[in-house]
Amino acid sequence: MSAETASGPTQDQVEILEYNFNKVNKHPDPTTLLLIAAEAGLSEEETQKWFKQRLAQWRKSEGLPSESRSVTD
């Protein structure tokens, strides 16, 4: 299993992460992040890193700036 986590999340873990990203929250608070990490069997750091990378990918696909800014900036 450590070999799988070294190269990234497994397909099952990605499905859990994607579900939470798309259906629950793109910006999970610390408590929610911990729950998602526990559900996926990943560390909090791995989960946070995945969400950060996935959010950047999503913003790019939506044609939004890569940095989070409010609409009024």
PDB file of N, CA and C in Angstrom:
ATOM      1  N   MET A   1       0.824  -1.199   0.000  1.00  0.00           N
ATOM      2  CA  MET A   1       0.000   0.000   0.000  1.00  0.00           C
ATOM      3  C   MET A   1       0.860   1.252   0.000  1.00  0.00           C
ATOM      4  N   SER A   2       2.002   1.217   0.669  1.00  0.00           N
ATOM      5  CA  SER A   2       2.851   2.403   0.697  1.00  0.00           C
ATOM      6  C   SER A   2       3.363   2.738  -0.696  1.00  0.00           C
ATOM      7  N   ALA A   3       3.536   1.756  -1.538  1.00  0.00           N
ATOM      8  CA  ALA A   3       3.966   2.010  -2.907  1.00  0.00           C
ATOM      9  C   ALA A   3       2.877   2.757  -3.678  1.00  0.00           C
ATOM     10  N   GLU A   4       1.607   2.440  -3.381  1.00  0.00           N
ATOM     11  CA  GLU A   4       0.507   3.124  -4.057  1.00  0.00           C
ATOM     12  C   GLU A   4       0.418   4.575  -3.632  1.00  0.00           C
ATOM     13  N   THR A   5       0.529   4.844  -2.332  1.00  0.00           N
ATOM     14  CA  THR A   5       0.420   6.209  -1.867  1.00  0.00           C
ATOM     15  C   THR A   5       1.623   7.042  -2.284  1.00  0.00           C
ATOM     16  N   ALA A   6       2.774   6.406  -2.491  1.00  0.00           N
ATOM     17  CA  ALA A   6       3.955   7.143  -2.940  1.00  0.00           C
ATOM     18  C   ALA A   6       3.751   7.680  -4.357  1.00  0.00           C
ATOM     19  N   SER A   7       3.014   6.944  -5.179  1.00  0.00           N
ATOM     20  CA  SER A   7       2.784   7.373  -6.554  1.00  0.00           C
ATOM     21  C   SER A   7       1.462   8.116  -6.712  1.00  0.00           C
ATOM     22  N   GLY A   8       0.747   8.324  -5.633  1.00  0.00           N
ATOM     23  CA  GLY A   8      -0.530   9.021  -5.692  1.00  0.00           C
ATOM     24  C   GLY A   8      -1.658   8.139  -5.202  1.00  0.00           C
ATOM     25  N   PRO A   9      -2.828   8.728  -5.071  1.00  0.00           N
ATOM     26  CA  PRO A   9      -3.979   7.961  -4.570  1.00  0.00           C
ATOM     27  C   PRO A   9      -4.403   6.863  -5.546  1.00  0.00           C
ATOM     28  N   THR A  10      -4.990   5.813  -4.985  1.00  0.00           N
ATOM     29  CA  THR A  10      -5.531   4.740  -5.808  1.00  0.00           C
ATOM     30  C   THR A  10      -6.796   5.236  -6.507  1.00  0.00           C
ATOM     31  N   GLN A  11      -7.292   4.442  -7.449  1.00  0.00           N
ATOM     32  CA  GLN A  11      -8.510   4.820  -8.166  1.00  0.00           C
ATOM     33  C   GLN A  11      -9.682   4.983  -7.200  1.00  0.00           C
ATOM     34  N   ASP A  12      -9.808   4.098  -6.235  1.00  0.00           N
ATOM     35  CA  ASP A  12     -10.893   4.205  -5.246  1.00  0.00           C
ATOM     36  C   ASP A  12     -10.776   5.493  -4.447  1.00  0.00           C
ATOM     37  N   GLN A  13      -9.552   5.847  -4.063  1.00  0.00           N
ATOM     38  CA  GLN A  13      -9.335   7.079  -3.300  1.00  0.00           C
ATOM     39  C   GLN A  13      -9.671   8.302  -4.154  1.00  0.00           C
ATOM     40  N   VAL A  14      -9.275   8.272  -5.420  1.00  0.00           N
ATOM     41  CA  VAL A  14      -9.578   9.389  -6.315  1.00  0.00           C
ATOM     42  C   VAL A  14     -11.091   9.544  -6.477  1.00  0.00           C
ATOM     43  N   GLU A  15     -11.813   8.445  -6.557  1.00  0.00           N
ATOM     44  CA  GLU A  15     -13.269   8.524  -6.679  1.00  0.00           C
ATOM     45  C   GLU A  15     -13.881   9.212  -5.461  1.00  0.00           C
ATOM     46  N   ILE A  16     -13.391   8.897  -4.270  1.00  0.00           N
ATOM     47  CA  ILE A  16     -13.876   9.544  -3.039  1.00  0.00           C
ATOM     48  C   ILE A  16     -13.541  11.028  -3.068  1.00  0.00           C
ATOM     49  N   LEU A  17     -12.306  11.355  -3.441  1.00  0.00           N
ATOM     50  CA  LEU A  17     -11.880  12.751  -3.497  1.00  0.00           C
ATOM     51  C   LEU A  17     -12.684  13.527  -4.537  1.00  0.00           C
ATOM     52  N   GLU A  18     -12.851  12.953  -5.719  1.00  0.00           N
ATOM     53  CA  GLU A  18     -13.613  13.622  -6.783  1.00  0.00           C
ATOM     54  C   GLU A  18     -15.066  13.846  -6.373  1.00  0.00           C
ATOM     55  N   TYR A  19     -15.665  12.842  -5.738  1.00  0.00           N
ATOM     56  CA  TYR A  19     -17.048  12.992  -5.285  1.00  0.00           C
ATOM     57  C   TYR A  19     -17.161  14.185  -4.338  1.00  0.00           C
ATOM     58  N   ASN A  20     -16.264  14.232  -3.358  1.00  0.00           N
ATOM     59  CA  ASN A  20     -16.314  15.324  -2.392  1.00  0.00           C
ATOM     60  C   ASN A  20     -16.021  16.667  -3.048  1.00  0.00           C
ATOM     61  N   PHE A  21     -15.111  16.700  -4.000  1.00  0.00           N
ATOM     62  CA  PHE A  21     -14.782  17.944  -4.698  1.00  0.00           C
ATOM     63  C   PHE A  21     -15.979  18.448  -5.504  1.00  0.00           C
ATOM     64  N   ASN A  22     -16.615  17.551  -6.244  1.00  0.00           N
ATOM     65  CA  ASN A  22     -17.693  17.945  -7.147  1.00  0.00           C
ATOM     66  C   ASN A  22     -19.045  18.106  -6.477  1.00  0.00           C
ATOM     67  N   LYS A  23     -19.339  17.285  -5.484  1.00  0.00           N
ATOM     68  CA  LYS A  23     -20.682  17.272  -4.905  1.00  0.00           C
ATOM     69  C   LYS A  23     -20.775  17.946  -3.534  1.00  0.00           C
ATOM     70  N   VAL A  24     -19.663  17.978  -2.804  1.00  0.00           N
ATOM     71  CA  VAL A  24     -19.731  18.469  -1.431  1.00  0.00           C
ATOM     72  C   VAL A  24     -19.146  19.869  -1.319  1.00  0.00           C
ATOM     73  N   ASN A  25     -17.835  20.007  -1.580  1.00  0.00           N
ATOM     74  CA  ASN A  25     -17.202  21.298  -1.341  1.00  0.00           C
ATOM     75  C   ASN A  25     -15.836  21.345  -2.014  1.00  0.00           C
ATOM     76  N   LYS A  26     -15.619  22.373  -2.816  1.00  0.00           N
ATOM     77  CA  LYS A  26     -14.313  22.564  -3.447  1.00  0.00           C
ATOM     78  C   LYS A  26     -13.299  23.155  -2.466  1.00  0.00           C
ATOM     79  N   HIS A  27     -13.804  23.754  -1.386  1.00  0.00           N
ATOM     80  CA  HIS A  27     -12.958  24.381  -0.370  1.00  0.00           C
ATOM     81  C   HIS A  27     -13.317  23.828   1.015  1.00  0.00           C
ATOM     82  N   PRO A  28     -12.954  22.580   1.306  1.00  0.00           N
ATOM     83  CA  PRO A  28     -13.355  22.010   2.593  1.00  0.00           C
ATOM     84  C   PRO A  28     -12.653  22.687   3.767  1.00  0.00           C
ATOM     85  N   ASP A  29     -13.406  22.867   4.857  1.00  0.00           N
ATOM     86  CA  ASP A  29     -12.803  23.407   6.074  1.00  0.00           C
ATOM     87  C   ASP A  29     -11.947  22.308   6.708  1.00  0.00           C
ATOM     88  N   PRO A  30     -11.132  22.654   7.706  1.00  0.00           N
ATOM     89  CA  PRO A  30     -10.217  21.655   8.289  1.00  0.00           C
ATOM     90  C   PRO A  30     -10.911  20.388   8.800  1.00  0.00           C
ATOM     91  N   THR A  31     -12.077  20.533   9.401  1.00  0.00           N
ATOM     92  CA  THR A  31     -12.797  19.366   9.918  1.00  0.00           C
ATOM     93  C   THR A  31     -13.263  18.472   8.776  1.00  0.00           C
ATOM     94  N   THR A  32     -13.844  19.081   7.751  1.00  0.00           N
ATOM     95  CA  THR A  32     -14.304  18.314   6.593  1.00  0.00           C
ATOM     96  C   THR A  32     -13.136  17.642   5.897  1.00  0.00           C
ATOM     97  N   LEU A  33     -12.007  18.351   5.792  1.00  0.00           N
ATOM     98  CA  LEU A  33     -10.811  17.786   5.169  1.00  0.00           C
ATOM     99  C   LEU A  33     -10.354  16.534   5.916  1.00  0.00           C
ATOM    100  N   LEU A  34     -10.388  16.581   7.238  1.00  0.00           N
ATOM    101  CA  LEU A  34     -10.022  15.414   8.049  1.00  0.00           C
ATOM    102  C   LEU A  34     -10.962  14.243   7.787  1.00  0.00           C
ATOM    103  N   LEU A  35     -12.251  14.529   7.684  1.00  0.00           N
ATOM    104  CA  LEU A  35     -13.235  13.472   7.427  1.00  0.00           C
ATOM    105  C   LEU A  35     -13.035  12.857   6.051  1.00  0.00           C
ATOM    106  N   ILE A  36     -12.760  13.695   5.049  1.00  0.00           N
ATOM    107  CA  ILE A  36     -12.510  13.194   3.700  1.00  0.00           C
ATOM    108  C   ILE A  36     -11.241  12.338   3.698  1.00  0.00           C
ATOM    109  N   ALA A  37     -10.192  12.823   4.381  1.00  0.00           N
ATOM    110  CA  ALA A  37      -8.931  12.071   4.457  1.00  0.00           C
ATOM    111  C   ALA A  37      -9.172  10.701   5.096  1.00  0.00           C
ATOM    112  N   ALA A  38      -9.942  10.666   6.179  1.00  0.00           N
ATOM    113  CA  ALA A  38     -10.224   9.401   6.867  1.00  0.00           C
ATOM    114  C   ALA A  38     -11.022   8.466   5.959  1.00  0.00           C
ATOM    115  N   GLU A  39     -12.014   9.011   5.260  1.00  0.00           N
ATOM    116  CA  GLU A  39     -12.836   8.198   4.358  1.00  0.00           C
ATOM    117  C   GLU A  39     -11.993   7.614   3.220  1.00  0.00           C
ATOM    118  N   ALA A  40     -11.060   8.415   2.706  1.00  0.00           N
ATOM    119  CA  ALA A  40     -10.237   7.973   1.583  1.00  0.00           C
ATOM    120  C   ALA A  40      -9.028   7.150   2.025  1.00  0.00           C
ATOM    121  N   GLY A  41      -8.721   7.171   3.324  1.00  0.00           N
ATOM    122  CA  GLY A  41      -7.556   6.439   3.807  1.00  0.00           C
ATOM    123  C   GLY A  41      -6.250   7.137   3.473  1.00  0.00           C
ATOM    124  N   LEU A  42      -6.298   8.460   3.373  1.00  0.00           N
ATOM    125  CA  LEU A  42      -5.113   9.262   3.082  1.00  0.00           C
ATOM    126  C   LEU A  42      -4.791  10.144   4.287  1.00  0.00           C
ATOM    127  N   SER A  43      -3.587  10.695   4.301  1.00  0.00           N
ATOM    128  CA  SER A  43      -3.247  11.636   5.367  1.00  0.00           C
ATOM    129  C   SER A  43      -3.927  12.974   5.065  1.00  0.00           C
ATOM    130  N   GLU A  44      -4.031  13.803   6.088  1.00  0.00           N
ATOM    131  CA  GLU A  44      -4.616  15.130   5.903  1.00  0.00           C
ATOM    132  C   GLU A  44      -3.795  15.933   4.892  1.00  0.00           C
ATOM    133  N   GLU A  45      -2.462  15.798   4.970  1.00  0.00           N
ATOM    134  CA  GLU A  45      -1.578  16.534   4.053  1.00  0.00           C
ATOM    135  C   GLU A  45      -1.790  16.097   2.605  1.00  0.00           C
ATOM    136  N   GLU A  46      -1.888  14.774   2.390  1.00  0.00           N
ATOM    137  CA  GLU A  46      -2.115  14.262   1.031  1.00  0.00           C
ATOM    138  C   GLU A  46      -3.454  14.761   0.483  1.00  0.00           C
ATOM    139  N   THR A  47      -4.456  14.759   1.339  1.00  0.00           N
ATOM    140  CA  THR A  47      -5.790  15.186   0.924  1.00  0.00           C
ATOM    141  C   THR A  47      -5.788  16.671   0.607  1.00  0.00           C
ATOM    142  N   GLN A  48      -5.152  17.469   1.446  1.00  0.00           N
ATOM    143  CA  GLN A  48      -5.084  18.910   1.220  1.00  0.00           C
ATOM    144  C   GLN A  48      -4.335  19.219  -0.085  1.00  0.00           C
ATOM    145  N   LYS A  49      -3.248  18.513  -0.321  1.00  0.00           N
ATOM    146  CA  LYS A  49      -2.464  18.699  -1.543  1.00  0.00           C
ATOM    147  C   LYS A  49      -3.314  18.337  -2.765  1.00  0.00           C
ATOM    148  N   TRP A  50      -4.052  17.229  -2.676  1.00  0.00           N
ATOM    149  CA  TRP A  50      -4.892  16.811  -3.792  1.00  0.00           C
ATOM    150  C   TRP A  50      -5.937  17.882  -4.091  1.00  0.00           C
ATOM    151  N   PHE A  51      -6.612  18.405  -3.055  1.00  0.00           N
ATOM    152  CA  PHE A  51      -7.634  19.431  -3.257  1.00  0.00           C
ATOM    153  C   PHE A  51      -7.028  20.695  -3.865  1.00  0.00           C
ATOM    154  N   LYS A  52      -5.848  21.084  -3.421  1.00  0.00           N
ATOM    155  CA  LYS A  52      -5.197  22.279  -3.953  1.00  0.00           C
ATOM    156  C   LYS A  52      -4.898  22.109  -5.443  1.00  0.00           C
ATOM    157  N   GLN A  53      -4.333  20.951  -5.805  1.00  0.00           N
ATOM    158  CA  GLN A  53      -4.013  20.684  -7.210  1.00  0.00           C
ATOM    159  C   GLN A  53      -5.286  20.571  -8.054  1.00  0.00           C
ATOM    160  N   ARG A  54      -6.299  19.925  -7.516  1.00  0.00           N
ATOM    161  CA  ARG A  54      -7.557  19.724  -8.247  1.00  0.00           C
ATOM    162  C   ARG A  54      -8.268  21.050  -8.445  1.00  0.00           C
ATOM    163  N   LEU A  55      -8.222  21.927  -7.440  1.00  0.00           N
ATOM    164  CA  LEU A  55      -8.844  23.238  -7.558  1.00  0.00           C
ATOM    165  C   LEU A  55      -8.151  24.063  -8.641  1.00  0.00           C
ATOM    166  N   ALA A  56      -6.828  24.013  -8.695  1.00  0.00           N
ATOM    167  CA  ALA A  56      -6.078  24.729  -9.733  1.00  0.00           C
ATOM    168  C   ALA A  56      -6.466  24.195 -11.112  1.00  0.00           C
ATOM    169  N   GLN A  57      -6.588  22.880 -11.228  1.00  0.00           N
ATOM    170  CA  GLN A  57      -6.990  22.249 -12.498  1.00  0.00           C
ATOM    171  C   GLN A  57      -8.396  22.689 -12.884  1.00  0.00           C
ATOM    172  N   TRP A  58      -9.306  22.718 -11.909  1.00  0.00           N
ATOM    173  CA  TRP A  58     -10.684  23.133 -12.157  1.00  0.00           C
ATOM    174  C   TRP A  58     -10.748  24.599 -12.585  1.00  0.00           C
ATOM    175  N   ARG A  59     -10.019  25.467 -11.878  1.00  0.00           N
ATOM    176  CA  ARG A  59     -10.016  26.891 -12.211  1.00  0.00           C
ATOM    177  C   ARG A  59      -9.505  27.110 -13.638  1.00  0.00           C
ATOM    178  N   LYS A  60      -8.472  26.377 -14.021  1.00  0.00           N
ATOM    179  CA  LYS A  60      -7.918  26.494 -15.371  1.00  0.00           C
ATOM    180  C   LYS A  60      -8.950  26.066 -16.402  1.00  0.00           C
ATOM    181  N   SER A  61      -9.650  24.965 -16.135  1.00  0.00           N
ATOM    182  CA  SER A  61     -10.654  24.462 -17.077  1.00  0.00           C
ATOM    183  C   SER A  61     -11.840  25.416 -17.197  1.00  0.00           C
ATOM    184  N   GLU A  62     -12.094  26.201 -16.137  1.00  0.00           N
ATOM    185  CA  GLU A  62     -13.194  27.163 -16.151  1.00  0.00           C
ATOM    186  C   GLU A  62     -12.758  28.521 -16.707  1.00  0.00           C
ATOM    187  N   GLY A  63     -11.467  28.644 -17.036  1.00  0.00           N
ATOM    188  CA  GLY A  63     -10.960  29.909 -17.560  1.00  0.00           C
ATOM    189  C   GLY A  63     -10.796  30.978 -16.496  1.00  0.00           C
ATOM    190  N   LEU A  64     -10.638  30.537 -15.248  1.00  0.00           N
ATOM    191  CA  LEU A  64     -10.466  31.469 -14.137  1.00  0.00           C
ATOM    192  C   LEU A  64      -8.990  31.633 -13.821  1.00  0.00           C
ATOM    193  N   PRO A  65      -8.623  32.750 -13.170  1.00  0.00           N
ATOM    194  CA  PRO A  65      -7.213  32.895 -12.764  1.00  0.00           C
ATOM    195  C   PRO A  65      -6.821  31.797 -11.793  1.00  0.00           C
ATOM    196  N   SER A  66      -5.554  31.416 -11.780  1.00  0.00           N
ATOM    197  CA  SER A  66      -5.107  30.321 -10.937  1.00  0.00           C
ATOM    198  C   SER A  66      -5.132  30.688  -9.458  1.00  0.00           C
ATOM    199  N   GLU A  67      -5.019  31.969  -9.158  1.00  0.00           N
ATOM    200  CA  GLU A  67      -5.054  32.402  -7.755  1.00  0.00           C
ATOM    201  C   GLU A  67      -6.489  32.703  -7.350  1.00  0.00           C
ATOM    202  N   SER A  68      -6.804  32.388  -6.102  1.00  0.00           N
ATOM    203  CA  SER A  68      -8.135  32.675  -5.585  1.00  0.00           C
ATOM    204  C   SER A  68      -8.247  34.171  -5.303  1.00  0.00           C
ATOM    205  N   ARG A  69      -9.184  34.806  -5.938  1.00  0.00           N
ATOM    206  CA  ARG A  69      -9.448  36.222  -5.687  1.00  0.00           C
ATOM    207  C   ARG A  69     -10.938  36.425  -5.667  1.00  0.00           C
ATOM    208  N   SER A  70     -11.361  37.467  -4.993  1.00  0.00           N
ATOM    209  CA  SER A  70     -12.783  37.746  -4.981  1.00  0.00           C
ATOM    210  C   SER A  70     -13.163  38.387  -6.318  1.00  0.00           C
ATOM    211  N   VAL A  71     -14.442  38.406  -6.593  1.00  0.00           N
ATOM    212  CA  VAL A  71     -14.933  38.932  -7.855  1.00  0.00           C
ATOM    213  C   VAL A  71     -14.658  40.425  -7.948  1.00  0.00           C
ATOM    214  N   THR A  72     -14.574  41.110  -6.821  1.00  0.00           N
ATOM    215  CA  THR A  72     -14.411  42.571  -6.830  1.00  0.00           C
ATOM    216  C   THR A  72     -12.968  43.017  -7.007  1.00  0.00           C
ATOM    217  N   ASP A  73     -12.004  42.100  -6.953  1.00  0.00           N
ATOM    218  CA  ASP A  73     -10.586  42.490  -7.112  1.00  0.00           C
ATOM    219  C   ASP A  73     -10.294  42.949  -8.527  1.00  0.00           C
TER     220      ASP A  73
END
